[in-house]
C-alpha atoms as a PDB file:
ATOM      1  CA  MET A   1     -12.702  19.706  23.520  1.00  0.00           C
ATOM      2  CA  GLY A   2     -15.969  17.992  24.232  1.00  0.00           C
ATOM      3  CA  SER A   3     -17.808  20.123  21.690  1.00  0.00           C
ATOM      4  CA  ARG A   4     -15.683  18.835  18.807  1.00  0.00           C
ATOM      5  CA  ASP A   5     -16.543  15.905  16.556  1.00  0.00           C
ATOM      6  CA  ALA A   6     -16.064  12.561  18.274  1.00  0.00           C
ATOM      7  CA  SER A   7     -13.864  11.195  15.524  1.00  0.00           C
ATOM      8  CA  MET A   8     -11.250  12.202  12.969  1.00  0.00           C
ATOM      9  CA  PRO A   9     -10.323  10.707   9.611  1.00  0.00           C
ATOM     10  CA  PRO A  10      -7.882   7.776   9.919  1.00  0.00           C
ATOM     11  CA  MET A  11      -4.306   8.936  10.493  1.00  0.00           C
ATOM     12  CA  ALA A  12      -1.188   7.803   8.685  1.00  0.00           C
ATOM     13  CA  ASP A  13      -0.196   4.253   9.674  1.00  0.00           C
ATOM     14  CA  SER A  14      -2.698   4.220  12.572  1.00  0.00           C
ATOM     15  CA  SER A  15      -4.130   0.993  13.929  1.00  0.00           C
ATOM     16  CA  ASP A  16      -7.728   0.541  15.057  1.00  0.00           C
ATOM     17  CA  ASP A  17      -6.610   0.732  18.695  1.00  0.00           C
ATOM     18  CA  GLU A  18      -4.770   3.996  18.070  1.00  0.00           C
ATOM     19  CA  GLN A  19      -7.758   5.474  16.281  1.00  0.00           C
ATOM     20  CA  ARG A  20     -10.055   4.584  19.168  1.00  0.00           C
ATOM     21  CA  LEU A  21      -7.699   6.297  21.602  1.00  0.00           C
ATOM     22  CA  VAL A  22      -7.533   9.353  19.334  1.00  0.00           C
ATOM     23  CA  ASN A  23     -11.319   9.566  19.248  1.00  0.00           C
ATOM     24  CA  ARG A  24     -11.470   9.362  23.049  1.00  0.00           C
ATOM     25  CA  ILE A  25      -8.896  12.167  23.317  1.00  0.00           C
ATOM     26  CA  ILE A  26     -11.043  14.332  21.064  1.00  0.00           C
ATOM     27  CA  ARG A  27     -13.949  13.788  23.453  1.00  0.00           C
ATOM     28  CA  GLY A  28     -11.742  15.163  26.247  1.00  0.00           C
ATOM     29  CA  ASP A  29     -10.496  11.897  27.768  1.00  0.00           C
ATOM     30  CA  ARG A  30      -7.042  12.640  29.190  1.00  0.00           C
ATOM     31  CA  THR A  31      -6.643   9.012  30.257  1.00  0.00           C
ATOM     32  CA  ALA A  32      -6.662   8.123  26.571  1.00  0.00           C
ATOM     33  CA  LEU A  33      -3.844  10.617  25.986  1.00  0.00           C
ATOM     34  CA  ALA A  34      -1.772   8.805  28.612  1.00  0.00           C
ATOM     35  CA  GLU A  35      -2.566   5.432  27.063  1.00  0.00           C
ATOM     36  CA  LEU A  36      -1.543   6.630  23.616  1.00  0.00           C
ATOM     37  CA  TYR A  37       1.689   8.115  24.961  1.00  0.00           C
ATOM     38  CA  THR A  38       2.466   4.831  26.711  1.00  0.00           C
ATOM     39  CA  LEU A  39       1.870   3.014  23.436  1.00  0.00           C
ATOM     40  CA  TYR A  40       4.358   5.261  21.639  1.00  0.00           C
ATOM     41  CA  ARG A  41       6.872   5.501  24.487  1.00  0.00           C
ATOM     42  CA  PRO A  42       9.317   2.805  23.228  1.00  0.00           C
ATOM     43  CA  ARG A  43       9.523   4.518  19.842  1.00  0.00           C
ATOM     44  CA  LEU A  44       9.962   7.929  21.430  1.00  0.00           C
ATOM     45  CA  TRP A  45      12.664   6.557  23.737  1.00  0.00           C
ATOM     46  CA  ARG A  46      14.512   5.290  20.648  1.00  0.00           C
ATOM     47  CA  MET A  47      14.422   8.806  19.216  1.00  0.00           C
ATOM     48  CA  VAL A  48      15.788  10.385  22.405  1.00  0.00           C
ATOM     49  CA  ASN A  49      18.509   7.757  22.715  1.00  0.00           C
ATOM     50  CA  PHE A  50      19.592   8.402  19.135  1.00  0.00           C
ATOM     51  CA  ARG A  51      19.628  12.199  19.317  1.00  0.00           C
ATOM     52  CA  LEU A  52      20.926  12.744  22.858  1.00  0.00           C
ATOM     53  CA  ASP A  53      24.320  14.471  22.883  1.00  0.00           C
ATOM     54  CA  PRO A  54      26.999  11.877  23.776  1.00  0.00           C
ATOM     55  CA  ARG A  55      28.330  14.248  26.441  1.00  0.00           C
ATOM     56  CA  LEU A  56      25.029  14.010  28.288  1.00  0.00           C
ATOM     57  CA  ARG A  57      24.912  10.213  28.392  1.00  0.00           C
ATOM     58  CA  GLY A  58      25.114   9.150  32.001  1.00  0.00           C
ATOM     59  CA  ARG A  59      24.090  12.636  33.124  1.00  0.00           C
ATOM     60  CA  VAL A  60      20.640  12.851  31.548  1.00  0.00           C
ATOM     61  CA  ASP A  61      18.205   9.943  31.606  1.00  0.00           C
ATOM     62  CA  PRO A  62      16.064   9.577  28.458  1.00  0.00           C
ATOM     63  CA  ASP A  63      13.165   8.563  30.699  1.00  0.00           C
ATOM     64  CA  ASP A  64      13.343  11.948  32.440  1.00  0.00           C
ATOM     65  CA  ILE A  65      13.179  13.678  29.066  1.00  0.00           C
ATOM     66  CA  LEU A  66      10.113  11.621  28.164  1.00  0.00           C
ATOM     67  CA  GLN A  67       8.505  12.542  31.488  1.00  0.00           C
ATOM     68  CA  ASP A  68       9.055  16.244  30.812  1.00  0.00           C
ATOM     69  CA  ALA A  69       7.672  15.759  27.305  1.00  0.00           C
ATOM     70  CA  TRP A  70       4.563  14.130  28.749  1.00  0.00           C
ATOM     71  CA  VAL A  71       3.924  17.177  30.920  1.00  0.00           C
ATOM     72  CA  ASN A  72       4.277  19.337  27.821  1.00  0.00           C
ATOM     73  CA  ALA A  73       1.877  17.102  25.897  1.00  0.00           C
ATOM     74  CA  VAL A  74      -0.779  17.406  28.593  1.00  0.00           C
ATOM     75  CA  SER A  75      -0.482  21.192  28.466  1.00  0.00           C
ATOM     76  CA  ARG A  76      -1.138  21.079  24.698  1.00  0.00           C
ATOM     77  CA  ILE A  77      -4.029  18.642  24.694  1.00  0.00           C
ATOM     78  CA  ASN A  78      -6.432  21.363  23.534  1.00  0.00           C
ATOM     79  CA  HIS A  79      -4.386  21.619  20.329  1.00  0.00           C
ATOM     80  CA  PHE A  80      -4.456  17.884  19.669  1.00  0.00           C
ATOM     81  CA  VAL A  81      -7.294  17.902  17.148  1.00  0.00           C
ATOM     82  CA  THR A  82      -5.627  20.360  14.793  1.00  0.00           C
ATOM     83  CA  ASP A  83      -1.949  19.628  15.397  1.00  0.00           C
ATOM     84  CA  ALA A  84      -2.292  15.821  15.371  1.00  0.00           C
ATOM     85  CA  SER A  85      -4.747  15.666  12.491  1.00  0.00           C
ATOM     86  CA  ARG A  86      -2.382  13.664  10.262  1.00  0.00           C
ATOM     87  CA  SER A  87      -0.469  11.559  12.785  1.00  0.00           C
ATOM     88  CA  SER A  88      -0.764  11.368  16.552  1.00  0.00           C
ATOM     89  CA  PHE A  89       2.689   9.789  16.801  1.00  0.00           C
ATOM     90  CA  ILE A  90       4.318  12.643  14.886  1.00  0.00           C
ATOM     91  CA  TRP A  91       2.526  15.084  17.212  1.00  0.00           C
ATOM     92  CA  PHE A  92       4.080  13.397  20.253  1.00  0.00           C
ATOM     93  CA  ARG A  93       7.433  13.120  18.495  1.00  0.00           C
ATOM     94  CA  LEU A  94       7.514  16.866  17.845  1.00  0.00           C
ATOM     95  CA  ILE A  95       6.821  17.584  21.511  1.00  0.00           C
ATOM     96  CA  VAL A  96       9.605  15.195  22.570  1.00  0.00           C
ATOM     97  CA  GLN A  97      11.949  16.808  20.058  1.00  0.00           C
ATOM     98  CA  GLN A  98      11.207  20.275  21.402  1.00  0.00           C
ATOM     99  CA  THR A  99      11.732  19.024  24.953  1.00  0.00           C
ATOM    100  CA  LEU A 100      15.082  17.536  23.920  1.00  0.00           C
ATOM    101  CA  VAL A 101      16.134  20.860  22.396  1.00  0.00           C
ATOM    102  CA  ASP A 102      15.375  22.546  25.715  1.00  0.00           C
ATOM    103  CA  VAL A 103      17.425  19.933  27.605  1.00  0.00           C
ATOM    104  CA  HIS A 104      20.438  20.494  25.365  1.00  0.00           C
ATOM    105  CA  ARG A 105      20.094  24.240  25.653  1.00  0.00           C
ATOM    106  CA  ARG A 106      19.921  23.982  29.437  1.00  0.00           C
ATOM    107  CA  HIS A 107      22.923  21.685  29.793  1.00  0.00           C
ATOM    108  CA  LEU A 108      25.167  22.788  26.939  1.00  0.00           C
ATOM    109  CA  GLY A 109      24.292  26.424  26.436  1.00  0.00           C
ATOM    110  CA  ALA A 110      22.605  28.323  23.641  1.00  0.00           C
ATOM    111  CA  ASP A 111      25.831  28.616  21.665  1.00  0.00           C
ATOM    112  CA  LYS A 112      25.709  24.873  20.956  1.00  0.00           C
ATOM    113  CA  ARG A 113      22.585  25.430  18.892  1.00  0.00           C
ATOM    114  CA  SER A 114      24.481  27.185  16.099  1.00  0.00           C
ATOM    115  CA  ALA A 115      24.649  25.505  12.705  1.00  0.00           C
ATOM    116  CA  ALA A 116      26.655  22.368  13.444  1.00  0.00           C
ATOM    117  CA  ARG A 117      25.918  21.022   9.989  1.00  0.00           C
ATOM    118  CA  GLU A 118      28.413  23.573   8.658  1.00  0.00           C
ATOM    119  CA  ARG A 119      31.152  22.635  11.126  1.00  0.00           C
ATOM    120  CA  PRO A 120      33.312  19.514  11.564  1.00  0.00           C
ATOM    121  CA  LEU A 121      31.893  17.117  14.136  1.00  0.00           C
ATOM    122  CA  SER A 122      34.899  17.643  16.372  1.00  0.00           C
ATOM    123  CA  GLN A 123      33.909  21.274  16.926  1.00  0.00           C
ATOM    124  CA  GLY A 124      30.709  20.583  18.800  1.00  0.00           C
ATOM    125  CA  TRP A 125      27.119  19.412  18.779  1.00  0.00           C
ATOM    126  CA  HIS A 126      23.716  21.000  19.000  1.00  0.00           C
ATOM    127  CA  ALA A 127      20.240  19.639  19.493  1.00  0.00           C
ATOM    128  CA  ASP A 128      19.360  19.708  15.808  1.00  0.00           C
ATOM    129  CA  SER A 129      22.555  18.023  14.629  1.00  0.00           C
ATOM    130  CA  THR A 130      21.876  14.757  12.854  1.00  0.00           C
ATOM    131  CA  SER A 131      25.423  14.282  11.592  1.00  0.00           C
ATOM    132  CA  THR A 132      26.919  13.808  15.039  1.00  0.00           C
ATOM    133  CA  SER A 133      24.192  11.407  16.122  1.00  0.00           C
ATOM    134  CA  LEU A 134      24.671   9.384  12.957  1.00  0.00           C
ATOM    135  CA  ALA A 135      28.439   9.234  13.396  1.00  0.00           C
ATOM    136  CA  PHE A 136      28.157   8.300  17.083  1.00  0.00           C
ATOM    137  CA  HIS A 137      25.811   5.398  16.412  1.00  0.00           C
ATOM    138  CA  LEU A 138      27.528   4.266  13.231  1.00  0.00           C
ATOM    139  CA  GLN A 139      30.737   3.759  15.205  1.00  0.00           C
ATOM    140  CA  ALA A 140      28.821   1.258  17.345  1.00  0.00           C
ATOM    141  CA  HIS A 141      28.746  -0.991  14.272  1.00  0.00           C
ATOM    142  CA  LEU A 142      32.488  -1.599  14.410  1.00  0.00           C
ATOM    143  CA  THR A 143      33.141  -5.333  14.603  1.00  0.00           C
ATOM    144  CA  SER A 144      36.130  -5.095  16.931  1.00  0.00           C
ATOM    145  CA  PRO A 145      37.744  -2.628  19.339  1.00  0.00           C
ATOM    146  CA  SER A 146      40.108  -0.171  17.719  1.00  0.00           C
ATOM    147  CA  SER A 147      42.895   2.024  19.023  1.00  0.00           C
ATOM    148  CA  ALA A 148      42.204   5.656  19.765  1.00  0.00           C
ATOM    149  CA  VAL A 149      44.122   6.635  16.643  1.00  0.00           C
ATOM    150  CA  VAL A 150      42.081   4.329  14.412  1.00  0.00           C
ATOM    151  CA  LYS A 151      38.838   5.461  15.995  1.00  0.00           C
ATOM    152  CA  ASN A 152      39.793   9.069  15.377  1.00  0.00           C
ATOM    153  CA  GLU A 153      40.603   8.295  11.744  1.00  0.00           C
ATOM    154  CA  LEU A 154      37.263   6.523  11.276  1.00  0.00           C
ATOM    155  CA  ALA A 155      35.450   9.428  12.916  1.00  0.00           C
ATOM    156  CA  GLN A 156      37.075  11.831  10.476  1.00  0.00           C
ATOM    157  CA  GLN A 157      36.115   9.618   7.538  1.00  0.00           C
ATOM    158  CA  LEU A 158      32.528   9.401   8.760  1.00  0.00           C
ATOM    159  CA  ASP A 159      32.481  13.145   9.245  1.00  0.00           C
ATOM    160  CA  ALA A 160      33.546  13.679   5.636  1.00  0.00           C
ATOM    161  CA  VAL A 161      30.983  11.198   4.312  1.00  0.00           C
ATOM    162  CA  LEU A 162      28.095  12.599   6.311  1.00  0.00           C
ATOM    163  CA  GLN A 163      28.971  16.203   5.626  1.00  0.00           C
ATOM    164  CA  GLY A 164      29.029  15.308   1.947  1.00  0.00           C
ATOM    165  CA  MET A 165      25.371  14.325   2.131  1.00  0.00           C
ATOM    166  CA  SER A 166      22.530  16.787   1.956  1.00  0.00           C
ATOM    167  CA  ASP A 167      20.654  17.688   5.131  1.00  0.00           C
ATOM    168  CA  ILE A 168      17.585  15.857   3.848  1.00  0.00           C
ATOM    169  CA  ASP A 169      19.475  12.648   3.067  1.00  0.00           C
ATOM    170  CA  ARG A 170      21.035  12.583   6.534  1.00  0.00           C
ATOM    171  CA  GLU A 171      17.654  13.175   8.123  1.00  0.00           C
ATOM    172  CA  VAL A 172      15.994  10.455   6.043  1.00  0.00           C
ATOM    173  CA  LEU A 173      18.659   7.977   7.172  1.00  0.00           C
ATOM    174  CA  ALA A 174      18.197   9.008  10.790  1.00  0.00           C
ATOM    175  CA  LEU A 175      14.414   8.760  10.674  1.00  0.00           C
ATOM    176  CA  ARG A 176      14.135   5.524   8.735  1.00  0.00           C
ATOM    177  CA  HIS A 177      17.139   3.533   9.906  1.00  0.00           C
ATOM    178  CA  PHE A 178      17.781   4.697  13.456  1.00  0.00           C
ATOM    179  CA  GLU A 179      14.414   5.997  14.655  1.00  0.00           C
ATOM    180  CA  GLN A 180      12.703   3.321  12.547  1.00  0.00           C
ATOM    181  CA  LEU A 181       9.877   5.543  11.358  1.00  0.00           C
ATOM    182  CA  SER A 182       7.720   4.296   8.523  1.00  0.00           C
ATOM    183  CA  ASN A 183       8.031   5.870   5.112  1.00  0.00           C
ATOM    184  CA  ALA A 184       4.680   7.632   5.612  1.00  0.00           C
ATOM    185  CA  GLU A 185       5.815   9.069   8.948  1.00  0.00           C
ATOM    186  CA  THR A 186       9.143  10.163   7.471  1.00  0.00           C
ATOM    187  CA  ALA A 187       7.310  11.949   4.673  1.00  0.00           C
ATOM    188  CA  LEU A 188       5.190  13.803   7.243  1.00  0.00           C
ATOM    189  CA  VAL A 189       8.202  14.876   9.299  1.00  0.00           C
ATOM    190  CA  LEU A 190      10.040  16.141   6.225  1.00  0.00           C
ATOM    191  CA  ASP A 191       6.920  17.556   4.548  1.00  0.00           C
ATOM    192  CA  MET A 192       7.418  15.684   1.295  1.00  0.00           C
ATOM    193  CA  SER A 193       5.571  13.038  -0.675  1.00  0.00           C
ATOM    194  CA  GLU A 194       5.900   9.410   0.350  1.00  0.00           C
ATOM    195  CA  GLN A 195       7.409   8.606  -3.038  1.00  0.00           C
ATOM    196  CA  ALA A 196      10.077  11.271  -2.616  1.00  0.00           C
ATOM    197  CA  ALA A 197      10.868  10.081   0.918  1.00  0.00           C
ATOM    198  CA  SER A 198      11.202   6.498  -0.272  1.00  0.00           C
ATOM    199  CA  ILE A 199      13.525   7.391  -3.142  1.00  0.00           C
ATOM    200  CA  ARG A 200      15.645   9.565  -0.856  1.00  0.00           C
ATOM    201  CA  TYR A 201      16.020   6.785   1.705  1.00  0.00           C
ATOM    202  CA  VAL A 202      16.989   4.064  -0.748  1.00  0.00           C
ATOM    203  CA  ARG A 203      19.553   6.265  -2.483  1.00  0.00           C
ATOM    204  CA  ALA A 204      21.037   7.613   0.769  1.00  0.00           C
ATOM    205  CA  LEU A 205      21.314   4.137   2.289  1.00  0.00           C
ATOM    206  CA  GLN A 206      22.963   2.727  -0.824  1.00  0.00           C
ATOM    207  CA  ARG A 207      25.449   5.595  -0.819  1.00  0.00           C
ATOM    208  CA  LEU A 208      26.268   5.123   2.848  1.00  0.00           C
ATOM    209  CA  LYS A 209      26.708   1.361   2.476  1.00  0.00           C
ATOM    210  CA  LYS A 210      29.013   1.818  -0.498  1.00  0.00           C
ATOM    211  CA  VAL A 211      31.272   4.019   1.598  1.00  0.00           C
ATOM    212  CA  LEU A 212      31.125   1.847   4.718  1.00  0.00           C
ATOM    213  CA  GLU A 213      32.034  -1.281   2.753  1.00  0.00           C
ATOM    214  CA  VAL A 214      35.539   0.083   2.139  1.00  0.00           C
ATOM    215  CA  MET A 215      36.018   1.192   5.740  1.00  0.00           C
ATOM    216  CA  PRO A 216      37.634  -1.404   8.037  1.00  0.00           C
ATOM    217  CA  GLY A 217      35.579  -3.001  10.762  1.00  0.00           C
ATOM    218  CA  PHE A 218      32.036  -2.116   9.752  1.00  0.00           C
ATOM    219  CA  ARG A 219      29.225  -4.670   9.744  1.00  0.00           C
ATOM    220  CA  THR A 220      27.516  -3.675   6.519  1.00  0.00           C
ATOM    221  CA  GLU A 221      24.959  -6.456   7.011  1.00  0.00           C
ATOM    222  CA  ASP A 222      23.398  -4.180   9.632  1.00  0.00           C
ATOM    223  CA  PHE A 223      22.431  -1.901   6.744  1.00  0.00           C
ATOM    224  CA  PRO A 224      20.138  -3.969   4.526  1.00  0.00           C
ATOM    225  CA  ALA A 225      18.853  -2.663   1.230  1.00  0.00           C
ATOM    226  CA  GLY A 226      16.330   0.057   1.940  1.00  0.00           C
ATOM    227  CA  SER A 227      12.664  -0.870   1.849  1.00  0.00           C
ATOM    228  CA  LYS A 228      10.426   1.605   0.142  1.00  0.00           C
END
């Protein structure tokens, strides 16, 4: 890597400190890679916590997943210049996502990776399922404990609402609201323009809030109007 240029054009949403670390990585400084990963670690932990299968909570520690992802990142450092050319955070996020897929495959079996988006939530989960993660975390916004029957009814209602959304709208909600990615980062992940990502998010959030407002026990104030 030392023979490459010592700098790259500014990345999406990068700070001066991030850019300096990126330039050091390009010069072959692996310590800088560790520093950058440490900088992003809280955001990456949020992603793992959101997307981890509920059945694995208590069995799999998100920190262990991040440690495995770090090992994978080190092994790919020679690809950093090309693969992270637009966003170093998105590069790390992709590696963590791939590591999480492997964890789910190892613990739950390859059959859980089938298209969960086309099945009711009650029939299973796979590593790429956003619907189940959304439903699981949305239920945490209930204002008071509910009986098992009520919880089951709410889960079915959420299932219907989320399944009624397009894959892209569900993913935009997950990225922006739960992973708290910026609009620019969301656009990179979904390979669309920033304008399109912004419009998608605002519309999807408004639709979700409209439905949640008529469901008992939800704190809709936790879902402010989407910022473009």
